[in-house]
Amino acid sequence: MRSHLISLGITLIFAGPAAADTPPMVEVWKSATCGCCTKWIEHLEREGFDVVAHNVASVADARAALGVPQRYAACHTARVAGYAIEGHVPAADIRRLIEEQPRSTGLAVPGMPAGSPGMEGHGNVPYQTLLIDRSGTTTIYAHH
């Protein structure tokens, strides 16, 4: 019995880090006809995220349900690990959010900035990823 418990403990020790290294599922709401949304999803998948996409008639309804103020709107919205992700947020910013676990609604890259993930090939402009707090105000989370 004791050797069984010891081997179970070893299994749990080795299973823990592998599970922690697996990014959580990203659930995306987007228009069926939006090509840049599809490219953003491909960016996340290349970065190791599993993604489930929902084509919806109103992304605004999904955005509101996730608590993202309309003023930070982009063409798609998502949820990961209990956080809202609005727009073309880079995978590295999402990983950082999950690691740091701030008390917030989530992240947003408002609009569709050229050069952001999914918007490559349209030139590049500087843009920022915003951290949305629970009152709806933001702070700059990352500069790109």
C-alpha atoms as a PDB file:
ATOM      1  CA  MET A   1       0.000   0.000   0.000  1.00  0.00           C
ATOM      2  CA  ARG A   2       2.773   2.432   0.969  1.00  0.00           C
ATOM      3  CA  SER A   3       4.687   1.790  -2.284  1.00  0.00           C
ATOM      4  CA  HIS A   4       1.459   2.436  -4.233  1.00  0.00           C
ATOM      5  CA  LEU A   5       1.024   5.803  -2.490  1.00  0.00           C
ATOM      6  CA  ILE A   6       4.653   6.696  -3.113  1.00  0.00           C
ATOM      7  CA  SER A   7       4.345   5.894  -6.828  1.00  0.00           C
ATOM      8  CA  LEU A   8       1.086   7.863  -6.977  1.00  0.00           C
ATOM      9  CA  GLY A   9       2.869  10.824  -5.378  1.00  0.00           C
ATOM     10  CA  ILE A  10       5.636  10.626  -7.952  1.00  0.00           C
ATOM     11  CA  THR A  11       3.069  10.487 -10.736  1.00  0.00           C
ATOM     12  CA  LEU A  12       1.337  13.582  -9.359  1.00  0.00           C
ATOM     13  CA  ILE A  13       4.620  15.439  -9.075  1.00  0.00           C
ATOM     14  CA  PHE A  14       5.423  14.719 -12.712  1.00  0.00           C
ATOM     15  CA  ALA A  15       1.870  15.348 -13.928  1.00  0.00           C
ATOM     16  CA  GLY A  16       1.592  18.771 -12.257  1.00  0.00           C
ATOM     17  CA  PRO A  17       4.094  20.773 -14.330  1.00  0.00           C
ATOM     18  CA  ALA A  18       2.907  19.313 -17.628  1.00  0.00           C
ATOM     19  CA  ALA A  19      -0.647  20.379 -16.858  1.00  0.00           C
ATOM     20  CA  ALA A  20       0.554  23.835 -15.801  1.00  0.00           C
ATOM     21  CA  ASP A  21       2.424  24.252 -19.107  1.00  0.00           C
ATOM     22  CA  THR A  22      -0.723  23.637 -21.146  1.00  0.00           C
ATOM     23  CA  PRO A  23      -2.401  26.930 -22.055  1.00  0.00           C
ATOM     24  CA  PRO A  24      -6.108  27.036 -21.290  1.00  0.00           C
ATOM     25  CA  MET A  25      -8.716  26.917 -24.010  1.00  0.00           C
ATOM     26  CA  VAL A  26      -9.483  30.207 -25.755  1.00  0.00           C
ATOM     27  CA  GLU A  27     -13.129  30.654 -26.730  1.00  0.00           C
ATOM     28  CA  VAL A  28     -13.661  33.232 -29.512  1.00  0.00           C
ATOM     29  CA  TRP A  29     -16.795  34.988 -30.780  1.00  0.00           C
ATOM     30  CA  LYS A  30     -16.492  36.452 -34.273  1.00  0.00           C
ATOM     31  CA  SER A  31     -18.270  37.152 -37.529  1.00  0.00           C
ATOM     32  CA  ALA A  32     -18.286  34.245 -39.992  1.00  0.00           C
ATOM     33  CA  THR A  33     -16.860  36.473 -42.718  1.00  0.00           C
ATOM     34  CA  CYS A  34     -13.990  38.144 -40.822  1.00  0.00           C
ATOM     35  CA  GLY A  35     -10.630  37.065 -42.246  1.00  0.00           C
ATOM     36  CA  CYS A  36      -8.469  38.921 -39.708  1.00  0.00           C
ATOM     37  CA  CYS A  37     -10.279  37.126 -36.861  1.00  0.00           C
ATOM     38  CA  THR A  38      -9.374  33.810 -38.462  1.00  0.00           C
ATOM     39  CA  LYS A  39      -5.756  34.958 -38.785  1.00  0.00           C
ATOM     40  CA  TRP A  40      -5.691  35.957 -35.091  1.00  0.00           C
ATOM     41  CA  ILE A  41      -6.992  32.494 -34.179  1.00  0.00           C
ATOM     42  CA  GLU A  42      -4.223  30.954 -36.327  1.00  0.00           C
ATOM     43  CA  HIS A  43      -1.685  33.130 -34.437  1.00  0.00           C
ATOM     44  CA  LEU A  44      -2.946  31.740 -31.112  1.00  0.00           C
ATOM     45  CA  GLU A  45      -2.853  28.168 -32.404  1.00  0.00           C
ATOM     46  CA  ARG A  46       0.729  28.613 -33.670  1.00  0.00           C
ATOM     47  CA  GLU A  47       1.577  29.829 -30.165  1.00  0.00           C
ATOM     48  CA  GLY A  48       0.184  26.623 -28.641  1.00  0.00           C
ATOM     49  CA  PHE A  49      -3.316  27.668 -27.598  1.00  0.00           C
ATOM     50  CA  ASP A  50      -6.341  25.486 -28.262  1.00  0.00           C
ATOM     51  CA  VAL A  51      -9.109  27.633 -29.733  1.00  0.00           C
ATOM     52  CA  VAL A  52     -12.835  27.142 -30.152  1.00  0.00           C
ATOM     53  CA  ALA A  53     -14.470  29.724 -32.421  1.00  0.00           C
ATOM     54  CA  HIS A  54     -18.140  30.676 -32.528  1.00  0.00           C
ATOM     55  CA  ASN A  55     -19.492  32.551 -35.543  1.00  0.00           C
ATOM     56  CA  VAL A  56     -22.140  34.909 -34.226  1.00  0.00           C
ATOM     57  CA  ALA A  57     -24.452  37.557 -35.630  1.00  0.00           C
ATOM     58  CA  SER A  58     -23.500  40.036 -32.893  1.00  0.00           C
ATOM     59  CA  VAL A  59     -20.006  40.177 -31.452  1.00  0.00           C
ATOM     60  CA  ALA A  60     -21.233  43.182 -29.432  1.00  0.00           C
ATOM     61  CA  ASP A  61     -23.565  40.897 -27.460  1.00  0.00           C
ATOM     62  CA  ALA A  62     -20.689  38.538 -26.603  1.00  0.00           C
ATOM     63  CA  ARG A  63     -18.473  41.510 -25.700  1.00  0.00           C
ATOM     64  CA  ALA A  64     -21.131  42.889 -23.347  1.00  0.00           C
ATOM     65  CA  ALA A  65     -21.630  39.468 -21.737  1.00  0.00           C
ATOM     66  CA  LEU A  66     -17.890  39.333 -20.987  1.00  0.00           C
ATOM     67  CA  GLY A  67     -17.959  42.806 -19.427  1.00  0.00           C
ATOM     68  CA  VAL A  68     -15.858  44.615 -22.036  1.00  0.00           C
ATOM     69  CA  PRO A  69     -16.956  48.243 -22.488  1.00  0.00           C
ATOM     70  CA  GLN A  70     -17.947  49.050 -26.076  1.00  0.00           C
ATOM     71  CA  ARG A  71     -15.326  51.843 -26.259  1.00  0.00           C
ATOM     72  CA  TYR A  72     -12.596  49.136 -26.400  1.00  0.00           C
ATOM     73  CA  ALA A  73     -14.307  47.200 -29.197  1.00  0.00           C
ATOM     74  CA  ALA A  74     -12.552  45.342 -31.969  1.00  0.00           C
ATOM     75  CA  CYS A  75     -13.796  42.801 -34.495  1.00  0.00           C
ATOM     76  CA  HIS A  76     -13.780  39.751 -32.181  1.00  0.00           C
ATOM     77  CA  THR A  77     -13.914  38.958 -28.489  1.00  0.00           C
ATOM     78  CA  ALA A  78     -12.707  35.954 -26.520  1.00  0.00           C
ATOM     79  CA  ARG A  79     -12.539  34.376 -23.090  1.00  0.00           C
ATOM     80  CA  VAL A  80      -9.602  32.537 -21.540  1.00  0.00           C
ATOM     81  CA  ALA A  81      -9.031  31.483 -17.938  1.00  0.00           C
ATOM     82  CA  GLY A  82     -11.902  33.696 -16.764  1.00  0.00           C
ATOM     83  CA  TYR A  83     -10.616  36.804 -18.583  1.00  0.00           C
ATOM     84  CA  ALA A  84     -12.056  38.690 -21.547  1.00  0.00           C
ATOM     85  CA  ILE A  85      -9.737  39.232 -24.514  1.00  0.00           C
ATOM     86  CA  GLU A  86     -10.892  41.936 -26.935  1.00  0.00           C
ATOM     87  CA  GLY A  87      -9.336  42.256 -30.366  1.00  0.00           C
ATOM     88  CA  HIS A  88      -5.914  41.446 -31.746  1.00  0.00           C
ATOM     89  CA  VAL A  89      -4.126  40.814 -28.435  1.00  0.00           C
ATOM     90  CA  PRO A  90      -0.758  39.057 -28.903  1.00  0.00           C
ATOM     91  CA  ALA A  91      -0.431  35.542 -27.475  1.00  0.00           C
ATOM     92  CA  ALA A  92       2.497  36.668 -25.281  1.00  0.00           C
ATOM     93  CA  ASP A  93       0.245  39.223 -23.557  1.00  0.00           C
ATOM     94  CA  ILE A  94      -2.389  36.542 -22.945  1.00  0.00           C
ATOM     95  CA  ARG A  95       0.222  34.222 -21.435  1.00  0.00           C
ATOM     96  CA  ARG A  96       1.442  37.024 -19.169  1.00  0.00           C
ATOM     97  CA  LEU A  97      -2.148  37.763 -18.079  1.00  0.00           C
ATOM     98  CA  ILE A  98      -2.731  34.119 -17.166  1.00  0.00           C
ATOM     99  CA  GLU A  99       0.571  33.953 -15.285  1.00  0.00           C
ATOM    100  CA  GLU A 100       0.107  37.204 -13.348  1.00  0.00           C
ATOM    101  CA  GLN A 101      -3.643  36.757 -12.699  1.00  0.00           C
ATOM    102  CA  PRO A 102      -4.451  40.415 -12.043  1.00  0.00           C
ATOM    103  CA  ARG A 103      -7.872  41.303 -10.648  1.00  0.00           C
ATOM    104  CA  SER A 104      -9.308  42.592 -13.903  1.00  0.00           C
ATOM    105  CA  THR A 105     -11.842  42.003 -16.633  1.00  0.00           C
ATOM    106  CA  GLY A 106      -9.114  41.256 -19.181  1.00  0.00           C
ATOM    107  CA  LEU A 107      -7.150  42.706 -22.074  1.00  0.00           C
ATOM    108  CA  ALA A 108      -8.040  44.753 -25.132  1.00  0.00           C
ATOM    109  CA  VAL A 109      -6.404  45.962 -28.317  1.00  0.00           C
ATOM    110  CA  PRO A 110      -9.131  48.341 -29.524  1.00  0.00           C
ATOM    111  CA  GLY A 111      -9.784  48.660 -33.231  1.00  0.00           C
ATOM    112  CA  MET A 112      -7.675  46.773 -35.714  1.00  0.00           C
ATOM    113  CA  PRO A 113      -4.103  48.138 -35.577  1.00  0.00           C
ATOM    114  CA  ALA A 114      -1.965  47.345 -38.598  1.00  0.00           C
ATOM    115  CA  GLY A 115       0.778  44.894 -37.720  1.00  0.00           C
ATOM    116  CA  SER A 116      -1.014  43.345 -34.736  1.00  0.00           C
ATOM    117  CA  PRO A 117      -1.544  39.545 -34.813  1.00  0.00           C
ATOM    118  CA  GLY A 118      -4.023  38.845 -37.599  1.00  0.00           C
ATOM    119  CA  MET A 119      -3.430  42.262 -39.170  1.00  0.00           C
ATOM    120  CA  GLU A 120       0.010  41.565 -40.611  1.00  0.00           C
ATOM    121  CA  GLY A 121       0.678  42.768 -44.135  1.00  0.00           C
ATOM    122  CA  HIS A 122      -1.156  46.057 -43.647  1.00  0.00           C
ATOM    123  CA  GLY A 123       1.951  47.964 -42.521  1.00  0.00           C
ATOM    124  CA  ASN A 124       2.813  48.465 -38.882  1.00  0.00           C
ATOM    125  CA  VAL A 125       1.681  51.105 -36.435  1.00  0.00           C
ATOM    126  CA  PRO A 126       2.554  51.296 -32.761  1.00  0.00           C
ATOM    127  CA  TYR A 127      -0.269  50.031 -30.569  1.00  0.00           C
ATOM    128  CA  GLN A 128      -0.932  49.162 -26.956  1.00  0.00           C
ATOM    129  CA  THR A 129      -2.550  46.287 -25.155  1.00  0.00           C
ATOM    130  CA  LEU A 130      -4.799  47.648 -22.414  1.00  0.00           C
ATOM    131  CA  LEU A 131      -5.626  46.001 -19.089  1.00  0.00           C
ATOM    132  CA  ILE A 132      -9.305  46.600 -18.325  1.00  0.00           C
ATOM    133  CA  ASP A 133     -10.050  46.825 -14.620  1.00  0.00           C
ATOM    134  CA  ARG A 134     -13.399  45.804 -13.187  1.00  0.00           C
ATOM    135  CA  SER A 135     -14.678  49.394 -13.232  1.00  0.00           C
ATOM    136  CA  GLY A 136     -14.067  49.611 -16.996  1.00  0.00           C
ATOM    137  CA  THR A 137     -11.025  51.870 -16.882  1.00  0.00           C
ATOM    138  CA  THR A 138      -7.716  50.837 -18.399  1.00  0.00           C
ATOM    139  CA  THR A 139      -3.992  50.966 -17.898  1.00  0.00           C
ATOM    140  CA  ILE A 140      -1.351  50.209 -20.513  1.00  0.00           C
ATOM    141  CA  TYR A 141      -0.340  46.562 -20.202  1.00  0.00           C
ATOM    142  CA  ALA A 142       2.104  46.360 -23.120  1.00  0.00           C
ATOM    143  CA  HIS A 143       3.502  48.514 -25.922  1.00  0.00           C
ATOM    144  CA  HIS A 144       3.930  47.030 -29.395  1.00  0.00           C
END
